[in-house]
PDB file of N, CA and C in Angstrom:
ATOM      1  N   MET A   1     -70.667-146.424  79.175  1.00  0.00           N
ATOM      2  CA  MET A   1     -70.762-147.622  78.627  1.00  0.00           C
ATOM      3  C   MET A   1     -70.044-148.663  79.840  1.00  0.00           C
ATOM      4  N   ALA A   2     -70.116-149.715  80.373  1.00  0.00           N
ATOM      5  CA  ALA A   2     -69.441-150.875  81.010  1.00  0.00           C
ATOM      6  C   ALA A   2     -67.984-150.884  80.482  1.00  0.00           C
ATOM      7  N   ALA A   3     -67.763-151.157  79.196  1.00  0.00           N
ATOM      8  CA  ALA A   3     -66.573-151.351  78.682  1.00  0.00           C
ATOM      9  C   ALA A   3     -65.532-150.207  79.159  1.00  0.00           C
ATOM     10  N   ASP A   4     -66.255-149.182  79.144  1.00  0.00           N
ATOM     11  CA  ASP A   4     -65.162-147.747  79.366  1.00  0.00           C
ATOM     12  C   ASP A   4     -64.830-147.553  80.540  1.00  0.00           C
ATOM     13  N   ARG A   5     -65.402-148.565  81.633  1.00  0.00           N
ATOM     14  CA  ARG A   5     -64.990-147.970  83.391  1.00  0.00           C
ATOM     15  C   ARG A   5     -63.681-148.680  83.635  1.00  0.00           C
ATOM     16  N   GLY A   6     -62.920-149.573  83.053  1.00  0.00           N
ATOM     17  CA  GLY A   6     -61.531-149.806  83.518  1.00  0.00           C
ATOM     18  C   GLY A   6     -60.958-148.967  82.718  1.00  0.00           C
ATOM     19  N   ALA A   7     -60.712-148.053  81.610  1.00  0.00           N
ATOM     20  CA  ALA A   7     -59.541-147.480  80.649  1.00  0.00           C
ATOM     21  C   ALA A   7     -60.474-145.998  81.542  1.00  0.00           C
ATOM     22  N   GLY A   8     -61.707-145.668  81.448  1.00  0.00           N
ATOM     23  CA  GLY A   8     -62.009-144.214  82.102  1.00  0.00           C
ATOM     24  C   GLY A   8     -61.223-143.664  83.767  1.00  0.00           C
ATOM     25  N   ASN A   9     -61.006-145.094  84.622  1.00  0.00           N
ATOM     26  CA  ASN A   9     -60.383-144.966  85.584  1.00  0.00           C
ATOM     27  C   ASN A   9     -59.134-144.765  85.990  1.00  0.00           C
ATOM     28  N   SER A  10     -58.431-145.089  84.497  1.00  0.00           N
ATOM     29  CA  SER A  10     -56.859-145.106  84.853  1.00  0.00           C
ATOM     30  C   SER A  10     -55.815-143.834  85.181  1.00  0.00           C
ATOM     31  N   THR A  11     -56.878-142.870  84.998  1.00  0.00           N
ATOM     32  CA  THR A  11     -56.279-141.403  85.476  1.00  0.00           C
ATOM     33  C   THR A  11     -56.082-141.494  86.951  1.00  0.00           C
ATOM     34  N   VAL A  12     -57.136-141.542  87.735  1.00  0.00           N
ATOM     35  CA  VAL A  12     -57.571-141.722  89.183  1.00  0.00           C
ATOM     36  C   VAL A  12     -56.580-142.754  89.893  1.00  0.00           C
ATOM     37  N   LEU A  13     -56.108-143.970  89.005  1.00  0.00           N
ATOM     38  CA  LEU A  13     -55.522-145.010  89.575  1.00  0.00           C
ATOM     39  C   LEU A  13     -53.966-144.867  89.520  1.00  0.00           C
ATOM     40  N   LEU A  14     -53.668-144.007  88.664  1.00  0.00           N
ATOM     41  CA  LEU A  14     -52.125-143.587  88.336  1.00  0.00           C
ATOM     42  C   LEU A  14     -52.049-142.785  89.459  1.00  0.00           C
ATOM     43  N   ILE A  15     -52.842-141.618  89.653  1.00  0.00           N
ATOM     44  CA  ILE A  15     -52.628-140.253  90.281  1.00  0.00           C
ATOM     45  C   ILE A  15     -52.497-141.153  92.120  1.00  0.00           C
ATOM     46  N   LEU A  16     -53.527-141.702  92.472  1.00  0.00           N
ATOM     47  CA  LEU A  16     -53.657-142.315  93.775  1.00  0.00           C
ATOM     48  C   LEU A  16     -52.579-143.390  94.293  1.00  0.00           C
ATOM     49  N   SER A  17     -51.979-144.032  92.938  1.00  0.00           N
ATOM     50  CA  SER A  17     -50.803-144.909  93.319  1.00  0.00           C
ATOM     51  C   SER A  17     -49.532-144.221  93.348  1.00  0.00           C
ATOM     52  N   VAL A  18     -49.111-143.078  92.808  1.00  0.00           N
ATOM     53  CA  VAL A  18     -48.364-142.003  93.040  1.00  0.00           C
ATOM     54  C   VAL A  18     -48.167-141.643  94.671  1.00  0.00           C
ATOM     55  N   LEU A  19     -49.728-141.183  95.012  1.00  0.00           N
ATOM     56  CA  LEU A  19     -49.813-140.433  96.081  1.00  0.00           C
ATOM     57  C   LEU A  19     -49.837-141.477  97.235  1.00  0.00           C
ATOM     58  N   ASP A  20     -49.883-142.741  96.932  1.00  0.00           N
ATOM     59  CA  ASP A  20     -49.789-143.562  98.182  1.00  0.00           C
ATOM     60  C   ASP A  20     -48.259-143.834  98.352  1.00  0.00           C
ATOM     61  N   GLN A  21     -47.339-143.194  97.640  1.00  0.00           N
ATOM     62  CA  GLN A  21     -45.800-143.344  98.311  1.00  0.00           C
ATOM     63  C   GLN A  21     -45.238-142.051  98.426  1.00  0.00           C
ATOM     64  N   GLY A  22     -46.375-141.497  98.718  1.00  0.00           N
ATOM     65  CA  GLY A  22     -45.930-139.830  99.189  1.00  0.00           C
ATOM     66  C   GLY A  22     -46.402-138.558  98.486  1.00  0.00           C
ATOM     67  N   GLU A  23     -46.679-137.636  99.390  1.00  0.00           N
ATOM     68  CA  GLU A  23     -47.249-136.374  98.912  1.00  0.00           C
ATOM     69  C   GLU A  23     -46.005-135.969  97.742  1.00  0.00           C
ATOM     70  N   ARG A  24     -47.013-135.223  97.022  1.00  0.00           N
ATOM     71  CA  ARG A  24     -46.585-134.293  96.234  1.00  0.00           C
ATOM     72  C   ARG A  24     -47.075-133.383  95.649  1.00  0.00           C
ATOM     73  N   TYR A  25     -46.405-132.352  95.020  1.00  0.00           N
ATOM     74  CA  TYR A  25     -47.073-130.997  94.684  1.00  0.00           C
ATOM     75  C   TYR A  25     -47.453-131.332  92.882  1.00  0.00           C
ATOM     76  N   GLY A  26     -48.133-130.678  92.382  1.00  0.00           N
ATOM     77  CA  GLY A  26     -48.572-131.148  90.782  1.00  0.00           C
ATOM     78  C   GLY A  26     -47.776-131.392  89.961  1.00  0.00           C
ATOM     79  N   TYR A  27     -47.114-130.435  89.728  1.00  0.00           N
ATOM     80  CA  TYR A  27     -45.858-130.612  88.878  1.00  0.00           C
ATOM     81  C   TYR A  27     -44.771-131.741  89.040  1.00  0.00           C
ATOM     82  N   GLU A  28     -44.822-131.815  90.434  1.00  0.00           N
ATOM     83  CA  GLU A  28     -43.650-133.135  90.955  1.00  0.00           C
ATOM     84  C   GLU A  28     -44.585-134.390  90.570  1.00  0.00           C
ATOM     85  N   LEU A  29     -45.718-134.141  90.252  1.00  0.00           N
ATOM     86  CA  LEU A  29     -46.622-135.456  90.411  1.00  0.00           C
ATOM     87  C   LEU A  29     -46.601-136.238  88.879  1.00  0.00           C
ATOM     88  N   ILE A  30     -46.680-134.772  88.015  1.00  0.00           N
ATOM     89  CA  ILE A  30     -46.501-134.837  86.839  1.00  0.00           C
ATOM     90  C   ILE A  30     -45.656-135.361  86.052  1.00  0.00           C
ATOM     91  N   ARG A  31     -44.354-135.534  86.477  1.00  0.00           N
ATOM     92  CA  ARG A  31     -42.900-135.855  86.178  1.00  0.00           C
ATOM     93  C   ARG A  31     -42.899-137.072  86.733  1.00  0.00           C
ATOM     94  N   GLU A  32     -43.400-137.259  88.202  1.00  0.00           N
ATOM     95  CA  GLU A  32     -43.135-138.689  88.449  1.00  0.00           C
ATOM     96  C   GLU A  32     -43.913-139.769  87.708  1.00  0.00           C
ATOM     97  N   LEU A  33     -45.381-139.421  86.920  1.00  0.00           N
ATOM     98  CA  LEU A  33     -46.134-140.459  86.148  1.00  0.00           C
ATOM     99  C   LEU A  33     -45.106-140.666  84.737  1.00  0.00           C
ATOM    100  N   GLU A  34     -44.535-138.971  84.364  1.00  0.00           N
ATOM    101  CA  GLU A  34     -43.600-139.358  83.147  1.00  0.00           C
ATOM    102  C   GLU A  34     -42.565-140.585  83.158  1.00  0.00           C
ATOM    103  N   ARG A  35     -41.904-140.367  84.478  1.00  0.00           N
ATOM    104  CA  ARG A  35     -40.731-140.916  84.714  1.00  0.00           C
ATOM    105  C   ARG A  35     -41.091-142.594  84.912  1.00  0.00           C
ATOM    106  N   ARG A  36     -42.132-142.761  85.263  1.00  0.00           N
ATOM    107  CA  ARG A  36     -42.512-144.411  85.560  1.00  0.00           C
ATOM    108  C   ARG A  36     -42.852-144.617  84.666  1.00  0.00           C
ATOM    109  N   SER A  37     -43.613-144.222  83.629  1.00  0.00           N
ATOM    110  CA  SER A  37     -44.507-144.577  82.793  1.00  0.00           C
ATOM    111  C   SER A  37     -43.255-144.555  81.337  1.00  0.00           C
ATOM    112  N   GLU A  38     -41.995-144.313  81.473  1.00  0.00           N
ATOM    113  CA  GLU A  38     -41.067-143.946  80.355  1.00  0.00           C
ATOM    114  C   GLU A  38     -41.710-142.929  79.609  1.00  0.00           C
ATOM    115  N   LYS A  39     -42.173-141.786  79.768  1.00  0.00           N
ATOM    116  CA  LYS A  39     -42.703-141.314  78.918  1.00  0.00           C
ATOM    117  C   LYS A  39     -44.275-141.251  78.432  1.00  0.00           C
ATOM    118  N   VAL A  40     -44.830-142.524  78.073  1.00  0.00           N
ATOM    119  CA  VAL A  40     -45.947-142.576  78.066  1.00  0.00           C
ATOM    120  C   VAL A  40     -47.174-141.785  78.558  1.00  0.00           C
ATOM    121  N   PHE A  41     -47.054-141.323  79.822  1.00  0.00           N
ATOM    122  CA  PHE A  41     -48.298-140.538  80.222  1.00  0.00           C
ATOM    123  C   PHE A  41     -47.668-139.178  80.180  1.00  0.00           C
ATOM    124  N   GLN A  42     -48.262-138.007  79.758  1.00  0.00           N
ATOM    125  CA  GLN A  42     -47.458-137.063  79.381  1.00  0.00           C
ATOM    126  C   GLN A  42     -48.569-135.788  80.094  1.00  0.00           C
ATOM    127  N   PHE A  43     -48.939-135.791  81.535  1.00  0.00           N
ATOM    128  CA  PHE A  43     -50.376-134.892  82.074  1.00  0.00           C
ATOM    129  C   PHE A  43     -50.066-133.441  81.626  1.00  0.00           C
ATOM    130  N   GLN A  44     -50.545-132.553  80.887  1.00  0.00           N
ATOM    131  CA  GLN A  44     -50.794-131.349  81.249  1.00  0.00           C
ATOM    132  C   GLN A  44     -51.313-130.748  82.474  1.00  0.00           C
ATOM    133  N   GLU A  45     -50.868-129.599  83.329  1.00  0.00           N
ATOM    134  CA  GLU A  45     -51.460-129.253  84.323  1.00  0.00           C
ATOM    135  C   GLU A  45     -53.057-128.980  84.337  1.00  0.00           C
ATOM    136  N   GLY A  46     -53.670-128.410  82.623  1.00  0.00           N
ATOM    137  CA  GLY A  46     -54.813-128.561  82.727  1.00  0.00           C
ATOM    138  C   GLY A  46     -55.644-129.428  82.781  1.00  0.00           C
ATOM    139  N   THR A  47     -55.199-130.738  82.587  1.00  0.00           N
ATOM    140  CA  THR A  47     -55.464-131.904  82.689  1.00  0.00           C
ATOM    141  C   THR A  47     -55.615-132.365  84.288  1.00  0.00           C
ATOM    142  N   LEU A  48     -54.356-132.380  84.610  1.00  0.00           N
ATOM    143  CA  LEU A  48     -54.147-133.339  86.083  1.00  0.00           C
ATOM    144  C   LEU A  48     -55.205-132.459  87.260  1.00  0.00           C
ATOM    145  N   TYR A  49     -54.693-130.931  87.499  1.00  0.00           N
ATOM    146  CA  TYR A  49     -55.385-129.987  88.435  1.00  0.00           C
ATOM    147  C   TYR A  49     -57.039-130.435  88.700  1.00  0.00           C
ATOM    148  N   PRO A  50     -57.757-130.578  87.399  1.00  0.00           N
ATOM    149  CA  PRO A  50     -59.492-130.851  87.492  1.00  0.00           C
ATOM    150  C   PRO A  50     -59.575-132.306  88.409  1.00  0.00           C
ATOM    151  N   VAL A  51     -58.686-133.053  88.008  1.00  0.00           N
ATOM    152  CA  VAL A  51     -58.787-134.602  88.533  1.00  0.00           C
ATOM    153  C   VAL A  51     -58.658-134.555  90.272  1.00  0.00           C
ATOM    154  N   LEU A  52     -57.177-133.580  90.122  1.00  0.00           N
ATOM    155  CA  LEU A  52     -56.726-133.557  91.987  1.00  0.00           C
ATOM    156  C   LEU A  52     -57.913-132.973  92.074  1.00  0.00           C
ATOM    157  N   HIS A  53     -58.565-131.769  91.956  1.00  0.00           N
ATOM    158  CA  HIS A  53     -59.613-131.213  92.436  1.00  0.00           C
ATOM    159  C   HIS A  53     -60.975-131.882  92.832  1.00  0.00           C
ATOM    160  N   ARG A  54     -61.281-132.994  91.938  1.00  0.00           N
ATOM    161  CA  ARG A  54     -62.238-133.913  92.072  1.00  0.00           C
ATOM    162  C   ARG A  54     -62.143-135.059  93.384  1.00  0.00           C
ATOM    163  N   LEU A  55     -60.805-135.205  93.287  1.00  0.00           N
ATOM    164  CA  LEU A  55     -60.233-136.238  94.059  1.00  0.00           C
ATOM    165  C   LEU A  55     -60.439-135.628  95.814  1.00  0.00           C
ATOM    166  N   GLU A  56     -59.763-134.241  95.600  1.00  0.00           N
ATOM    167  CA  GLU A  56     -60.097-133.622  97.147  1.00  0.00           C
ATOM    168  C   GLU A  56     -61.551-133.787  97.240  1.00  0.00           C
ATOM    169  N   ASN A  57     -62.245-133.141  96.533  1.00  0.00           N
ATOM    170  CA  ASN A  57     -63.780-133.004  96.942  1.00  0.00           C
ATOM    171  C   ASN A  57     -64.326-134.279  97.286  1.00  0.00           C
ATOM    172  N   GLN A  58     -63.852-135.265  96.886  1.00  0.00           N
ATOM    173  CA  GLN A  58     -64.489-136.640  96.971  1.00  0.00           C
ATOM    174  C   GLN A  58     -64.017-137.265  98.585  1.00  0.00           C
ATOM    175  N   GLY A  59     -63.063-136.503  98.960  1.00  0.00           N
ATOM    176  CA  GLY A  59     -62.221-137.158 100.287  1.00  0.00           C
ATOM    177  C   GLY A  59     -61.054-137.961  99.766  1.00  0.00           C
ATOM    178  N   TYR A  60     -60.446-138.038  98.826  1.00  0.00           N
ATOM    179  CA  TYR A  60     -59.523-139.261  98.458  1.00  0.00           C
ATOM    180  C   TYR A  60     -58.624-138.569  98.568  1.00  0.00           C
ATOM    181  N   VAL A  61     -58.121-137.242  98.590  1.00  0.00           N
ATOM    182  CA  VAL A  61     -56.811-136.608  98.785  1.00  0.00           C
ATOM    183  C   VAL A  61     -57.135-135.317  99.749  1.00  0.00           C
ATOM    184  N   THR A  62     -56.208-134.867 100.167  1.00  0.00           N
ATOM    185  CA  THR A  62     -56.173-133.645 100.761  1.00  0.00           C
ATOM    186  C   THR A  62     -55.099-132.824 100.065  1.00  0.00           C
ATOM    187  N   ALA A  63     -55.002-131.634 100.324  1.00  0.00           N
ATOM    188  CA  ALA A  63     -54.050-130.814  99.695  1.00  0.00           C
ATOM    189  C   ALA A  63     -53.754-129.458 100.697  1.00  0.00           C
ATOM    190  N   GLU A  64     -52.199-129.199 101.065  1.00  0.00           N
ATOM    191  CA  GLU A  64     -52.222-128.472 101.658  1.00  0.00           C
ATOM    192  C   GLU A  64     -50.460-127.490 101.363  1.00  0.00           C
ATOM    193  N   ARG A  65     -50.879-126.376 101.630  1.00  0.00           N
ATOM    194  CA  ARG A  65     -50.012-125.337 100.956  1.00  0.00           C
ATOM    195  C   ARG A  65     -48.616-125.152 102.452  1.00  0.00           C
ATOM    196  N   LYS A  66     -47.515-125.719 101.355  1.00  0.00           N
ATOM    197  CA  LYS A  66     -46.188-125.611 101.909  1.00  0.00           C
ATOM    198  C   LYS A  66     -45.226-124.828 101.315  1.00  0.00           C
ATOM    199  N   THR A  67     -43.891-124.006 101.854  1.00  0.00           N
ATOM    200  CA  THR A  67     -42.884-123.716 101.382  1.00  0.00           C
ATOM    201  C   THR A  67     -42.077-124.641 100.901  1.00  0.00           C
ATOM    202  N   GLY A  68     -41.506-124.985  99.668  1.00  0.00           N
ATOM    203  CA  GLY A  68     -40.802-125.928  99.452  1.00  0.00           C
ATOM    204  C   GLY A  68     -39.298-125.399  99.525  1.00  0.00           C
ATOM    205  N   GLU A  69     -38.275-126.401  99.291  1.00  0.00           N
ATOM    206  CA  GLU A  69     -36.857-125.902  99.479  1.00  0.00           C
ATOM    207  C   GLU A  69     -36.727-124.887  98.894  1.00  0.00           C
ATOM    208  N   ASN A  70     -36.838-124.398  97.640  1.00  0.00           N
ATOM    209  CA  ASN A  70     -36.350-123.307  96.855  1.00  0.00           C
ATOM    210  C   ASN A  70     -37.162-122.015  97.248  1.00  0.00           C
ATOM    211  N   GLY A  71     -38.569-122.200  98.521  1.00  0.00           N
ATOM    212  CA  GLY A  71     -38.642-121.064  98.760  1.00  0.00           C
ATOM    213  C   GLY A  71     -40.275-120.426  98.583  1.00  0.00           C
ATOM    214  N   LYS A  72     -40.689-121.541  97.368  1.00  0.00           N
ATOM    215  CA  LYS A  72     -41.772-121.305  96.174  1.00  0.00           C
ATOM    216  C   LYS A  72     -43.017-122.219  97.405  1.00  0.00           C
ATOM    217  N   GLU A  73     -43.740-121.400  97.546  1.00  0.00           N
ATOM    218  CA  GLU A  73     -45.291-121.931  97.882  1.00  0.00           C
ATOM    219  C   GLU A  73     -45.948-123.061  97.033  1.00  0.00           C
ATOM    220  N   ARG A  74     -46.480-123.946  97.272  1.00  0.00           N
ATOM    221  CA  ARG A  74     -46.931-125.113  96.730  1.00  0.00           C
ATOM    222  C   ARG A  74     -47.935-125.848  97.291  1.00  0.00           C
ATOM    223  N   ARG A  75     -49.052-126.316  96.550  1.00  0.00           N
ATOM    224  CA  ARG A  75     -49.963-127.088  97.175  1.00  0.00           C
ATOM    225  C   ARG A  75     -49.420-128.466  96.973  1.00  0.00           C
ATOM    226  N   TYR A  76     -49.412-129.228  98.130  1.00  0.00           N
ATOM    227  CA  TYR A  76     -49.165-130.806  98.350  1.00  0.00           C
ATOM    228  C   TYR A  76     -50.145-131.372  98.430  1.00  0.00           C
ATOM    229  N   TYR A  77     -50.249-132.519  97.649  1.00  0.00           N
ATOM    230  CA  TYR A  77     -51.283-133.529  97.586  1.00  0.00           C
ATOM    231  C   TYR A  77     -50.906-134.717  98.592  1.00  0.00           C
ATOM    232  N   ARG A  78     -51.737-135.303  99.203  1.00  0.00           N
ATOM    233  CA  ARG A  78     -51.523-136.380 100.307  1.00  0.00           C
ATOM    234  C   ARG A  78     -52.719-137.401  99.753  1.00  0.00           C
ATOM    235  N   ILE A  79     -52.353-138.307  99.893  1.00  0.00           N
ATOM    236  CA  ILE A  79     -53.798-139.840  99.717  1.00  0.00           C
ATOM    237  C   ILE A  79     -54.551-139.711 101.205  1.00  0.00           C
ATOM    238  N   THR A  80     -55.335-139.901 101.526  1.00  0.00           N
ATOM    239  CA  THR A  80     -56.562-139.974 102.548  1.00  0.00           C
ATOM    240  C   THR A  80     -56.561-141.680 102.878  1.00  0.00           C
ATOM    241  N   PRO A  81     -56.926-141.877 103.989  1.00  0.00           N
ATOM    242  CA  PRO A  81     -57.354-143.263 104.577  1.00  0.00           C
ATOM    243  C   PRO A  81     -58.612-143.604 102.982  1.00  0.00           C
ATOM    244  N   ALA A  82     -59.576-142.723 103.279  1.00  0.00           N
ATOM    245  CA  ALA A  82     -60.527-143.037 102.286  1.00  0.00           C
ATOM    246  C   ALA A  82     -60.237-143.182 100.555  1.00  0.00           C
ATOM    247  N   GLY A  83     -59.032-142.187 100.034  1.00  0.00           N
ATOM    248  CA  GLY A  83     -58.454-142.868  99.196  1.00  0.00           C
ATOM    249  C   GLY A  83     -57.549-143.588  98.990  1.00  0.00           C
ATOM    250  N   LYS A  84     -56.803-144.376 100.072  1.00  0.00           N
ATOM    251  CA  LYS A  84     -56.663-145.866  99.782  1.00  0.00           C
ATOM    252  C   LYS A  84     -57.590-146.565  99.719  1.00  0.00           C
ATOM    253  N   LYS A  85     -58.814-146.652 100.095  1.00  0.00           N
ATOM    254  CA  LYS A  85     -59.576-147.666 100.174  1.00  0.00           C
ATOM    255  C   LYS A  85     -60.369-147.611  98.319  1.00  0.00           C
ATOM    256  N   GLN A  86     -60.387-146.453  98.122  1.00  0.00           N
ATOM    257  CA  GLN A  86     -60.565-146.379  96.635  1.00  0.00           C
ATOM    258  C   GLN A  86     -59.771-146.683  95.767  1.00  0.00           C
ATOM    259  N   LEU A  87     -58.211-146.767  95.934  1.00  0.00           N
ATOM    260  CA  LEU A  87     -56.926-147.193  95.436  1.00  0.00           C
ATOM    261  C   LEU A  87     -56.852-148.418  95.218  1.00  0.00           C
ATOM    262  N   ALA A  88     -57.601-149.210  96.173  1.00  0.00           N
ATOM    263  CA  ALA A  88     -57.866-150.456  96.332  1.00  0.00           C
ATOM    264  C   ALA A  88     -58.618-150.940  95.286  1.00  0.00           C
ATOM    265  N   ALA A  89     -59.827-150.299  95.148  1.00  0.00           N
ATOM    266  CA  ALA A  89     -61.107-150.677  94.394  1.00  0.00           C
ATOM    267  C   ALA A  89     -60.665-150.097  93.097  1.00  0.00           C
ATOM    268  N   GLU A  90     -60.052-149.099  92.761  1.00  0.00           N
ATOM    269  CA  GLU A  90     -59.311-148.738  91.383  1.00  0.00           C
ATOM    270  C   GLU A  90     -58.622-149.984  91.217  1.00  0.00           C
ATOM    271  N   ARG A  91     -57.892-150.591  91.926  1.00  0.00           N
ATOM    272  CA  ARG A  91     -56.728-151.738  91.078  1.00  0.00           C
ATOM    273  C   ARG A  91     -57.317-152.619  90.894  1.00  0.00           C
ATOM    274  N   GLU A  92     -58.367-153.241  91.822  1.00  0.00           N
ATOM    275  CA  GLU A  92     -59.077-154.491  91.488  1.00  0.00           C
ATOM    276  C   GLU A  92     -60.144-154.426  90.070  1.00  0.00           C
ATOM    277  N   SER A  93     -60.442-152.915  90.181  1.00  0.00           N
ATOM    278  CA  SER A  93     -61.245-152.709  88.793  1.00  0.00           C
ATOM    279  C   SER A  93     -60.391-152.865  87.449  1.00  0.00           C
ATOM    280  N   TRP A  94     -59.400-152.117  87.638  1.00  0.00           N
ATOM    281  CA  TRP A  94     -58.074-152.441  86.509  1.00  0.00           C
ATOM    282  C   TRP A  94     -57.577-153.742  86.516  1.00  0.00           C
ATOM    283  N   ALA A  95     -57.447-154.480  87.534  1.00  0.00           N
ATOM    284  CA  ALA A  95     -56.992-155.902  86.976  1.00  0.00           C
ATOM    285  C   ALA A  95     -58.145-157.085  86.331  1.00  0.00           C
ATOM    286  N   ARG A  96     -59.226-156.424  86.534  1.00  0.00           N
ATOM    287  CA  ARG A  96     -60.482-157.037  86.025  1.00  0.00           C
ATOM    288  C   ARG A  96     -60.421-156.597  84.473  1.00  0.00           C
ATOM    289  N   PHE A  97     -60.506-155.250  84.311  1.00  0.00           N
ATOM    290  CA  PHE A  97     -60.573-154.549  83.077  1.00  0.00           C
ATOM    291  C   PHE A  97     -59.043-155.209  82.165  1.00  0.00           C
ATOM    292  N   SER A  98     -58.080-155.305  82.508  1.00  0.00           N
ATOM    293  CA  SER A  98     -56.726-155.683  81.730  1.00  0.00           C
ATOM    294  C   SER A  98     -57.044-157.005  81.348  1.00  0.00           C
ATOM    295  N   ALA A  99     -57.944-158.064  82.183  1.00  0.00           N
ATOM    296  CA  ALA A  99     -57.698-159.108  82.417  1.00  0.00           C
ATOM    297  C   ALA A  99     -58.291-159.541  80.997  1.00  0.00           C
ATOM    298  N   ALA A 100     -60.014-158.613  81.213  1.00  0.00           N
ATOM    299  CA  ALA A 100     -60.826-158.916  79.980  1.00  0.00           C
ATOM    300  C   ALA A 100     -59.854-158.460  78.554  1.00  0.00           C
ATOM    301  N   VAL A 101     -59.337-157.412  78.408  1.00  0.00           N
ATOM    302  CA  VAL A 101     -58.828-157.056  77.286  1.00  0.00           C
ATOM    303  C   VAL A 101     -57.923-158.102  76.939  1.00  0.00           C
ATOM    304  N   ASN A 102     -57.074-158.403  77.879  1.00  0.00           N
ATOM    305  CA  ASN A 102     -55.731-159.849  77.443  1.00  0.00           C
ATOM    306  C   ASN A 102     -56.884-161.172  76.936  1.00  0.00           C
ATOM    307  N   ARG A 103     -57.834-161.473  77.548  1.00  0.00           N
ATOM    308  CA  ARG A 103     -58.585-162.380  77.039  1.00  0.00           C
ATOM    309  C   ARG A 103     -59.096-162.040  75.505  1.00  0.00           C
ATOM    310  N   VAL A 104     -59.468-160.915  75.320  1.00  0.00           N
ATOM    311  CA  VAL A 104     -59.992-160.719  73.898  1.00  0.00           C
ATOM    312  C   VAL A 104     -58.763-160.671  72.846  1.00  0.00           C
ATOM    313  N   ILE A 105     -57.585-159.991  73.390  1.00  0.00           N
ATOM    314  CA  ILE A 105     -56.570-159.738  72.324  1.00  0.00           C
ATOM    315  C   ILE A 105     -55.542-161.090  72.154  1.00  0.00           C
ATOM    316  N   GLY A 106     -55.775-162.159  72.986  1.00  0.00           N
ATOM    317  CA  GLY A 106     -54.951-163.320  73.300  1.00  0.00           C
ATOM    318  C   GLY A 106     -54.462-163.947  72.126  1.00  0.00           C
ATOM    319  N   GLY A 107     -55.131-163.577  70.924  1.00  0.00           N
ATOM    320  CA  GLY A 107     -54.350-164.344  69.964  1.00  0.00           C
ATOM    321  C   GLY A 107     -55.145-165.175  69.428  1.00  0.00           C
ATOM    322  N   GLU A 108     -54.266-166.387  68.529  1.00  0.00           N
ATOM    323  CA  GLU A 108     -55.065-167.351  67.979  1.00  0.00           C
ATOM    324  C   GLU A 108     -55.846-168.619  69.032  1.00  0.00           C
ATOM    325  N   GLN A 109     -55.644-168.344  69.869  1.00  0.00           N
ATOM    326  CA  GLN A 109     -56.031-169.420  70.991  1.00  0.00           C
ATOM    327  C   GLN A 109     -57.704-168.810  70.917  1.00  0.00           C
ATOM    328  N   HIS A 110     -58.052-167.823  70.738  1.00  0.00           N
ATOM    329  CA  HIS A 110     -59.366-166.840  71.386  1.00  0.00           C
ATOM    330  C   HIS A 110     -60.020-166.547  69.900  1.00  0.00           C
ATOM    331  N   ALA A 111     -59.313-166.608  68.643  1.00  0.00           N
ATOM    332  CA  ALA A 111     -59.462-166.248  67.545  1.00  0.00           C
ATOM    333  C   ALA A 111     -61.037-167.049  66.734  1.00  0.00           C
ATOM    334  N   PHE A 112     -61.561-168.201  66.982  1.00  0.00           N
ATOM    335  CA  PHE A 112     -62.103-168.963  66.500  1.00  0.00           C
ATOM    336  C   PHE A 112     -63.389-169.558  67.829  1.00  0.00           C
ATOM    337  N   SER A 113     -63.136-168.899  68.764  1.00  0.00           N
ATOM    338  CA  SER A 113     -63.431-169.780  70.010  1.00  0.00           C
ATOM    339  C   SER A 113     -65.329-169.407  69.863  1.00  0.00           C
TER     340      SER A 113
END
């Protein structure tokens, strides 16, 4: 359904937006989304990793195994040039979707139009 397009892609928009500012490993990405959203977005690993793998398969992110400061090996995800283009498209789609929602819920001015 067309009405679902903006809301349905919000996870991709959120993930690519964070990765656009630097590479992250999965748990770090979860915590950053939680922090930036003031705990509105609380992803579970079982939700995040399938999306990251799909984005990797689509060529929007790459993953590289690295050893962190604590000596633990992790997969770090980084946005690709194709991912940056997709992020721009996701942002545009979100802007259209949120503007439409705001027009619908805009209050009295639209109640009897």
